[in-house]
Amino acid sequence: MLPAQIKAFALSMGKRAKTDQIDAELIARFMAFRPEAGRTLPDEKLQFLRALTVRRAQMVEARKRLSAQISARRKQGMSAELEDMDSSLKAFLESQISELEQRIESVSGEAEELSATCCSRQDWQLPAIIQF
């Protein structure tokens, strides 16, 4: 709704031209005029929860890429030494993902609004699960 409010504000000021400079000035004036219309930063726990879920998604993606590389190397007949290294790395990623999942559950359980906002296991796949 904020873009529509800024457009209405611009029209009320008689501004119709569209340039980056004019847009920036209008947004700044609008925010000075109506500071409550802007976004507020989420509380610290929400920010931390979002960081955890983003990190988990990154780890899941890394594990997925590694699994694809392992599969490709097996088709090429890779050496046992590389396979051992890949297995160790995959186990490390899986342990990190598990630890992140436990931390996500812990943080979301600490505050009722966090639990209501975000945390079912299938939501963890998405980095931007928290609506700001």
N, C-alpha and C. Protein backbone atom coordinates (compact mmCIF):
# COMPACT_ATOMS: atom_id res chain seq x y z
N MET A 1 0.82 -1.19 0.00
CA MET A 1 0.00 0.00 0.00
C MET A 1 0.86 1.25 0.00
N LEU A 2 2.08 1.17 0.46
CA LEU A 2 2.96 2.32 0.53
C LEU A 2 3.18 2.98 -0.84
N PRO A 3 3.43 2.25 -1.93
CA PRO A 3 3.59 2.92 -3.23
C PRO A 3 2.37 3.73 -3.64
N ALA A 4 1.18 3.21 -3.37
CA ALA A 4 -0.04 3.95 -3.71
C ALA A 4 -0.14 5.22 -2.87
N GLN A 5 0.26 5.13 -1.62
CA GLN A 5 0.22 6.31 -0.75
C GLN A 5 1.19 7.38 -1.24
N ILE A 6 2.37 6.94 -1.66
CA ILE A 6 3.37 7.89 -2.16
C ILE A 6 2.88 8.54 -3.46
N LYS A 7 2.25 7.74 -4.32
CA LYS A 7 1.72 8.29 -5.57
C LYS A 7 0.63 9.34 -5.29
N ALA A 8 -0.25 9.02 -4.35
CA ALA A 8 -1.30 9.98 -3.99
C ALA A 8 -0.68 11.25 -3.38
N PHE A 9 0.36 11.06 -2.57
CA PHE A 9 1.07 12.19 -1.98
C PHE A 9 1.68 13.06 -3.08
N ALA A 10 2.29 12.43 -4.08
CA ALA A 10 2.91 13.16 -5.20
C ALA A 10 1.86 13.97 -5.95
N LEU A 11 0.71 13.34 -6.22
CA LEU A 11 -0.35 14.05 -6.93
C LEU A 11 -0.88 15.21 -6.10
N SER A 12 -0.94 15.05 -4.78
CA SER A 12 -1.42 16.14 -3.93
C SER A 12 -0.45 17.32 -3.95
N MET A 13 0.82 17.04 -4.25
CA MET A 13 1.81 18.11 -4.33
C MET A 13 1.93 18.66 -5.74
N GLY A 14 1.15 18.09 -6.67
CA GLY A 14 1.18 18.56 -8.04
C GLY A 14 2.36 18.02 -8.84
N LYS A 15 2.99 16.96 -8.38
CA LYS A 15 4.14 16.36 -9.08
C LYS A 15 3.64 15.25 -9.98
N ARG A 16 3.98 15.34 -11.27
CA ARG A 16 3.58 14.29 -12.20
C ARG A 16 4.77 13.69 -12.93
N ALA A 17 5.86 14.40 -13.01
CA ALA A 17 7.03 13.90 -13.73
C ALA A 17 7.62 12.70 -12.98
N LYS A 18 8.26 11.80 -13.73
CA LYS A 18 8.85 10.61 -13.12
C LYS A 18 10.33 10.55 -13.46
N THR A 19 11.14 10.88 -12.49
CA THR A 19 12.58 10.67 -12.61
C THR A 19 13.03 10.09 -11.28
N ASP A 20 14.20 9.48 -11.26
CA ASP A 20 14.70 8.92 -10.01
C ASP A 20 14.87 9.99 -8.94
N GLN A 21 15.36 11.14 -9.35
CA GLN A 21 15.57 12.22 -8.38
C GLN A 21 14.24 12.70 -7.79
N ILE A 22 13.25 12.88 -8.66
CA ILE A 22 11.94 13.32 -8.17
C ILE A 22 11.32 12.25 -7.28
N ASP A 23 11.42 10.99 -7.69
CA ASP A 23 10.88 9.90 -6.88
C ASP A 23 11.55 9.84 -5.50
N ALA A 24 12.86 9.96 -5.48
CA ALA A 24 13.59 9.92 -4.21
C ALA A 24 13.16 11.07 -3.30
N GLU A 25 13.03 12.24 -3.88
CA GLU A 25 12.61 13.40 -3.10
C GLU A 25 11.19 13.20 -2.55
N LEU A 26 10.29 12.68 -3.38
CA LEU A 26 8.92 12.46 -2.94
C LEU A 26 8.85 11.42 -1.82
N ILE A 27 9.61 10.36 -1.96
CA ILE A 27 9.62 9.33 -0.91
C ILE A 27 10.16 9.91 0.39
N ALA A 28 11.22 10.69 0.30
CA ALA A 28 11.80 11.30 1.51
C ALA A 28 10.80 12.26 2.15
N ARG A 29 10.14 13.08 1.36
CA ARG A 29 9.15 14.01 1.91
C ARG A 29 7.97 13.27 2.53
N PHE A 30 7.52 12.21 1.83
CA PHE A 30 6.41 11.43 2.34
C PHE A 30 6.76 10.80 3.69
N MET A 31 7.97 10.23 3.80
CA MET A 31 8.38 9.59 5.05
C MET A 31 8.54 10.63 6.16
N ALA A 32 8.95 11.84 5.82
CA ALA A 32 9.05 12.90 6.83
C ALA A 32 7.65 13.33 7.28
N PHE A 33 6.73 13.34 6.34
CA PHE A 33 5.35 13.74 6.61
C PHE A 33 4.58 12.65 7.37
N ARG A 34 4.82 11.37 7.00
CA ARG A 34 4.11 10.23 7.60
C ARG A 34 5.09 9.13 8.00
N PRO A 35 5.90 9.34 9.01
CA PRO A 35 6.91 8.34 9.38
C PRO A 35 6.32 7.00 9.82
N GLU A 36 5.08 7.02 10.32
CA GLU A 36 4.46 5.78 10.75
C GLU A 36 4.11 4.86 9.58
N ALA A 37 4.13 5.38 8.36
CA ALA A 37 3.79 4.58 7.19
C ALA A 37 4.93 3.67 6.76
N GLY A 38 6.13 3.94 7.22
CA GLY A 38 7.28 3.14 6.82
C GLY A 38 7.36 1.84 7.58
N ARG A 39 8.25 1.02 7.14
CA ARG A 39 8.49 -0.25 7.81
C ARG A 39 9.25 -0.02 9.11
N THR A 40 8.94 -0.83 10.08
CA THR A 40 9.73 -0.84 11.29
C THR A 40 10.53 -2.13 11.31
N LEU A 41 11.66 -2.09 11.94
CA LEU A 41 12.47 -3.29 12.02
C LEU A 41 11.79 -4.30 12.94
N PRO A 42 11.84 -5.57 12.56
CA PRO A 42 11.26 -6.59 13.44
C PRO A 42 12.09 -6.70 14.71
N ASP A 43 11.48 -7.30 15.72
CA ASP A 43 12.24 -7.42 16.96
C ASP A 43 13.43 -8.35 16.76
N GLU A 44 14.30 -8.35 17.74
CA GLU A 44 15.59 -9.05 17.63
C GLU A 44 15.42 -10.55 17.41
N LYS A 45 14.43 -11.15 18.08
CA LYS A 45 14.21 -12.59 17.91
C LYS A 45 13.74 -12.93 16.50
N LEU A 46 12.89 -12.10 15.94
CA LEU A 46 12.46 -12.33 14.56
C LEU A 46 13.63 -12.20 13.59
N GLN A 47 14.48 -11.22 13.82
CA GLN A 47 15.66 -11.07 12.96
C GLN A 47 16.57 -12.29 13.07
N PHE A 48 16.77 -12.77 14.28
CA PHE A 48 17.62 -13.94 14.50
C PHE A 48 17.00 -15.18 13.87
N LEU A 49 15.69 -15.34 14.02
CA LEU A 49 15.01 -16.49 13.42
C LEU A 49 15.13 -16.46 11.91
N ARG A 50 14.99 -15.30 11.33
CA ARG A 50 15.13 -15.19 9.88
C ARG A 50 16.55 -15.55 9.46
N ALA A 51 17.54 -15.08 10.19
CA ALA A 51 18.93 -15.41 9.88
C ALA A 51 19.16 -16.92 9.96
N LEU A 52 18.58 -17.55 10.97
CA LEU A 52 18.72 -19.01 11.09
C LEU A 52 18.08 -19.74 9.91
N THR A 53 16.88 -19.31 9.51
CA THR A 53 16.20 -19.99 8.41
C THR A 53 16.91 -19.76 7.08
N VAL A 54 17.46 -18.57 6.90
CA VAL A 54 18.23 -18.30 5.69
C VAL A 54 19.48 -19.19 5.65
N ARG A 55 20.14 -19.28 6.79
CA ARG A 55 21.35 -20.11 6.87
C ARG A 55 21.02 -21.58 6.62
N ARG A 56 19.90 -22.06 7.15
CA ARG A 56 19.49 -23.44 6.92
C ARG A 56 19.24 -23.68 5.43
N ALA A 57 18.56 -22.75 4.79
CA ALA A 57 18.30 -22.89 3.35
C ALA A 57 19.61 -22.96 2.56
N GLN A 58 20.60 -22.15 2.97
CA GLN A 58 21.90 -22.19 2.31
C GLN A 58 22.58 -23.55 2.49
N MET A 59 22.50 -24.09 3.68
CA MET A 59 23.10 -25.40 3.95
C MET A 59 22.40 -26.50 3.17
N VAL A 60 21.08 -26.44 3.10
CA VAL A 60 20.33 -27.44 2.34
C VAL A 60 20.72 -27.38 0.86
N GLU A 61 20.87 -26.16 0.35
CA GLU A 61 21.28 -25.99 -1.06
C GLU A 61 22.69 -26.53 -1.28
N ALA A 62 23.59 -26.29 -0.35
CA ALA A 62 24.96 -26.81 -0.46
C ALA A 62 24.96 -28.33 -0.45
N ARG A 63 24.14 -28.92 0.42
CA ARG A 63 24.04 -30.39 0.48
C ARG A 63 23.48 -30.94 -0.83
N LYS A 64 22.52 -30.26 -1.40
CA LYS A 64 21.92 -30.67 -2.67
C LYS A 64 22.96 -30.64 -3.80
N ARG A 65 23.75 -29.56 -3.85
CA ARG A 65 24.80 -29.46 -4.88
C ARG A 65 25.85 -30.54 -4.68
N LEU A 66 26.24 -30.77 -3.44
CA LEU A 66 27.23 -31.80 -3.15
C LEU A 66 26.72 -33.18 -3.57
N SER A 67 25.47 -33.47 -3.29
CA SER A 67 24.90 -34.76 -3.68
C SER A 67 24.93 -34.94 -5.19
N ALA A 68 24.65 -33.87 -5.92
CA ALA A 68 24.70 -33.93 -7.39
C ALA A 68 26.14 -34.17 -7.86
N GLN A 69 27.10 -33.53 -7.22
CA GLN A 69 28.50 -33.73 -7.58
C GLN A 69 28.95 -35.15 -7.28
N ILE A 70 28.53 -35.69 -6.15
CA ILE A 70 28.87 -37.07 -5.79
C ILE A 70 28.32 -38.03 -6.83
N SER A 71 27.09 -37.81 -7.19
CA SER A 71 26.45 -38.66 -8.20
C SER A 71 27.20 -38.60 -9.54
N ALA A 72 27.58 -37.39 -9.94
CA ALA A 72 28.31 -37.23 -11.21
C ALA A 72 29.68 -37.91 -11.14
N ARG A 73 30.35 -37.78 -10.00
CA ARG A 73 31.67 -38.41 -9.85
C ARG A 73 31.58 -39.93 -9.86
N ARG A 74 30.52 -40.46 -9.27
CA ARG A 74 30.34 -41.92 -9.27
C ARG A 74 30.19 -42.44 -10.69
N LYS A 75 29.47 -41.69 -11.51
CA LYS A 75 29.31 -42.09 -12.91
C LYS A 75 30.64 -42.07 -13.64
N GLN A 76 31.54 -41.19 -13.20
CA GLN A 76 32.86 -41.07 -13.84
C GLN A 76 33.87 -42.04 -13.22
N GLY A 77 33.49 -42.74 -12.15
CA GLY A 77 34.40 -43.67 -11.49
C GLY A 77 35.45 -42.99 -10.66
N MET A 78 35.05 -42.11 -9.73
CA MET A 78 36.02 -41.37 -8.91
C MET A 78 36.74 -42.28 -7.93
N SER A 79 37.84 -41.77 -7.42
CA SER A 79 38.64 -42.56 -6.48
C SER A 79 37.97 -42.61 -5.11
N ALA A 80 38.33 -43.63 -4.36
CA ALA A 80 37.77 -43.82 -3.01
C ALA A 80 38.15 -42.66 -2.09
N GLU A 81 39.31 -42.07 -2.30
CA GLU A 81 39.76 -40.96 -1.46
C GLU A 81 38.80 -39.77 -1.57
N LEU A 82 38.39 -39.42 -2.78
CA LEU A 82 37.44 -38.32 -2.95
C LEU A 82 36.08 -38.67 -2.38
N GLU A 83 35.69 -39.93 -2.51
CA GLU A 83 34.40 -40.34 -1.98
C GLU A 83 34.36 -40.21 -0.46
N ASP A 84 35.47 -40.55 0.20
CA ASP A 84 35.54 -40.39 1.66
C ASP A 84 35.43 -38.92 2.05
N MET A 85 36.11 -38.04 1.31
CA MET A 85 36.04 -36.60 1.60
C MET A 85 34.62 -36.08 1.41
N ASP A 86 33.99 -36.51 0.32
CA ASP A 86 32.61 -36.07 0.06
C ASP A 86 31.66 -36.57 1.12
N SER A 87 31.83 -37.80 1.56
CA SER A 87 30.97 -38.35 2.61
C SER A 87 31.14 -37.57 3.91
N SER A 88 32.36 -37.22 4.24
CA SER A 88 32.62 -36.43 5.46
C SER A 88 31.96 -35.06 5.36
N LEU A 89 32.09 -34.43 4.21
CA LEU A 89 31.50 -33.11 4.01
C LEU A 89 29.98 -33.18 4.08
N LYS A 90 29.40 -34.20 3.46
CA LYS A 90 27.94 -34.35 3.49
C LYS A 90 27.46 -34.59 4.92
N ALA A 91 28.18 -35.40 5.68
CA ALA A 91 27.81 -35.65 7.08
C ALA A 91 27.90 -34.36 7.90
N PHE A 92 28.93 -33.55 7.63
CA PHE A 92 29.06 -32.26 8.33
C PHE A 92 27.87 -31.36 8.01
N LEU A 93 27.51 -31.25 6.73
CA LEU A 93 26.37 -30.41 6.34
C LEU A 93 25.09 -30.90 7.00
N GLU A 94 24.89 -32.20 7.04
CA GLU A 94 23.68 -32.74 7.66
C GLU A 94 23.65 -32.44 9.16
N SER A 95 24.80 -32.50 9.83
CA SER A 95 24.82 -32.16 11.26
C SER A 95 24.54 -30.67 11.48
N GLN A 96 25.05 -29.82 10.60
CA GLN A 96 24.80 -28.38 10.71
C GLN A 96 23.31 -28.08 10.48
N ILE A 97 22.72 -28.74 9.50
CA ILE A 97 21.29 -28.54 9.23
C ILE A 97 20.47 -28.97 10.43
N SER A 98 20.82 -30.10 11.01
CA SER A 98 20.11 -30.60 12.19
C SER A 98 20.24 -29.61 13.37
N GLU A 99 21.44 -29.10 13.57
CA GLU A 99 21.66 -28.13 14.65
C GLU A 99 20.84 -26.86 14.41
N LEU A 100 20.80 -26.39 13.16
CA LEU A 100 20.02 -25.20 12.84
C LEU A 100 18.53 -25.45 13.08
N GLU A 101 18.05 -26.63 12.73
CA GLU A 101 16.64 -26.94 12.96
C GLU A 101 16.31 -26.92 14.45
N GLN A 102 17.21 -27.42 15.27
CA GLN A 102 16.99 -27.39 16.72
C GLN A 102 16.98 -25.95 17.23
N ARG A 103 17.87 -25.14 16.72
CA ARG A 103 17.91 -23.73 17.16
C ARG A 103 16.66 -22.98 16.70
N ILE A 104 16.19 -23.28 15.49
CA ILE A 104 14.96 -22.64 14.99
C ILE A 104 13.79 -23.00 15.89
N GLU A 105 13.68 -24.27 16.24
CA GLU A 105 12.60 -24.69 17.13
C GLU A 105 12.71 -24.01 18.49
N SER A 106 13.92 -23.91 19.00
CA SER A 106 14.14 -23.28 20.30
C SER A 106 13.75 -21.81 20.29
N VAL A 107 14.22 -21.09 19.29
CA VAL A 107 13.92 -19.65 19.21
C VAL A 107 12.44 -19.42 18.98
N SER A 108 11.82 -20.21 18.10
CA SER A 108 10.40 -20.01 17.82
C SER A 108 9.54 -20.41 19.00
N GLY A 109 10.01 -21.34 19.81
CA GLY A 109 9.25 -21.73 20.99
C GLY A 109 9.31 -20.71 22.11
N GLU A 110 10.29 -19.81 22.06
CA GLU A 110 10.46 -18.81 23.12
C GLU A 110 9.40 -17.72 23.10
N ALA A 111 8.86 -17.46 21.93
CA ALA A 111 7.87 -16.38 21.83
C ALA A 111 6.65 -16.88 21.08
N GLU A 112 5.50 -16.62 21.64
CA GLU A 112 4.25 -17.09 21.03
C GLU A 112 4.06 -16.55 19.63
N GLU A 113 4.35 -15.26 19.43
CA GLU A 113 4.12 -14.66 18.12
C GLU A 113 5.03 -15.27 17.06
N LEU A 114 6.22 -15.71 17.43
CA LEU A 114 7.11 -16.37 16.47
C LEU A 114 6.52 -17.70 16.05
N SER A 115 6.01 -18.46 17.00
CA SER A 115 5.43 -19.75 16.68
C SER A 115 4.24 -19.57 15.76
N ALA A 116 3.41 -18.59 16.04
CA ALA A 116 2.23 -18.37 15.22
C ALA A 116 2.59 -17.85 13.83
N THR A 117 3.67 -17.10 13.74
CA THR A 117 4.05 -16.48 12.48
C THR A 117 4.68 -17.45 11.51
N CYS A 118 5.52 -18.37 12.00
CA CYS A 118 6.41 -18.96 11.02
C CYS A 118 6.70 -20.44 11.08
N CYS A 119 6.56 -21.10 12.13
CA CYS A 119 7.35 -22.31 12.22
C CYS A 119 6.61 -23.61 12.10
N SER A 120 6.42 -24.04 10.88
CA SER A 120 6.15 -25.43 10.64
C SER A 120 7.34 -25.92 9.82
N ARG A 121 7.68 -27.18 9.94
CA ARG A 121 8.91 -27.68 9.32
C ARG A 121 8.96 -27.42 7.82
N GLN A 122 7.83 -27.54 7.11
CA GLN A 122 7.88 -27.32 5.66
C GLN A 122 8.22 -25.87 5.31
N ASP A 123 7.96 -24.93 6.21
CA ASP A 123 8.29 -23.53 5.96
C ASP A 123 9.79 -23.28 5.98
N TRP A 124 10.56 -24.15 6.61
CA TRP A 124 12.00 -23.92 6.74
C TRP A 124 12.70 -23.96 5.39
N GLN A 125 12.07 -24.51 4.40
CA GLN A 125 12.66 -24.59 3.07
C GLN A 125 12.79 -23.19 2.46
N LEU A 126 11.95 -22.26 2.92
CA LEU A 126 11.88 -20.93 2.31
C LEU A 126 12.64 -19.92 3.16
N PRO A 127 13.61 -19.21 2.56
CA PRO A 127 14.37 -18.24 3.34
C PRO A 127 13.55 -17.09 3.89
N ALA A 128 12.51 -16.68 3.21
CA ALA A 128 11.77 -15.49 3.62
C ALA A 128 10.44 -15.88 4.26
N ILE A 129 10.46 -16.74 5.25
CA ILE A 129 9.21 -17.22 5.82
C ILE A 129 8.56 -16.20 6.74
N ILE A 130 9.30 -15.25 7.20
CA ILE A 130 8.75 -14.29 8.14
C ILE A 130 8.30 -13.06 7.38
N GLN A 131 7.07 -12.70 7.55
CA GLN A 131 6.53 -11.54 6.87
C GLN A 131 6.80 -10.30 7.71
N PHE A 132 7.42 -9.31 7.12
CA PHE A 132 7.71 -8.07 7.84
C PHE A 132 6.75 -7.00 7.41
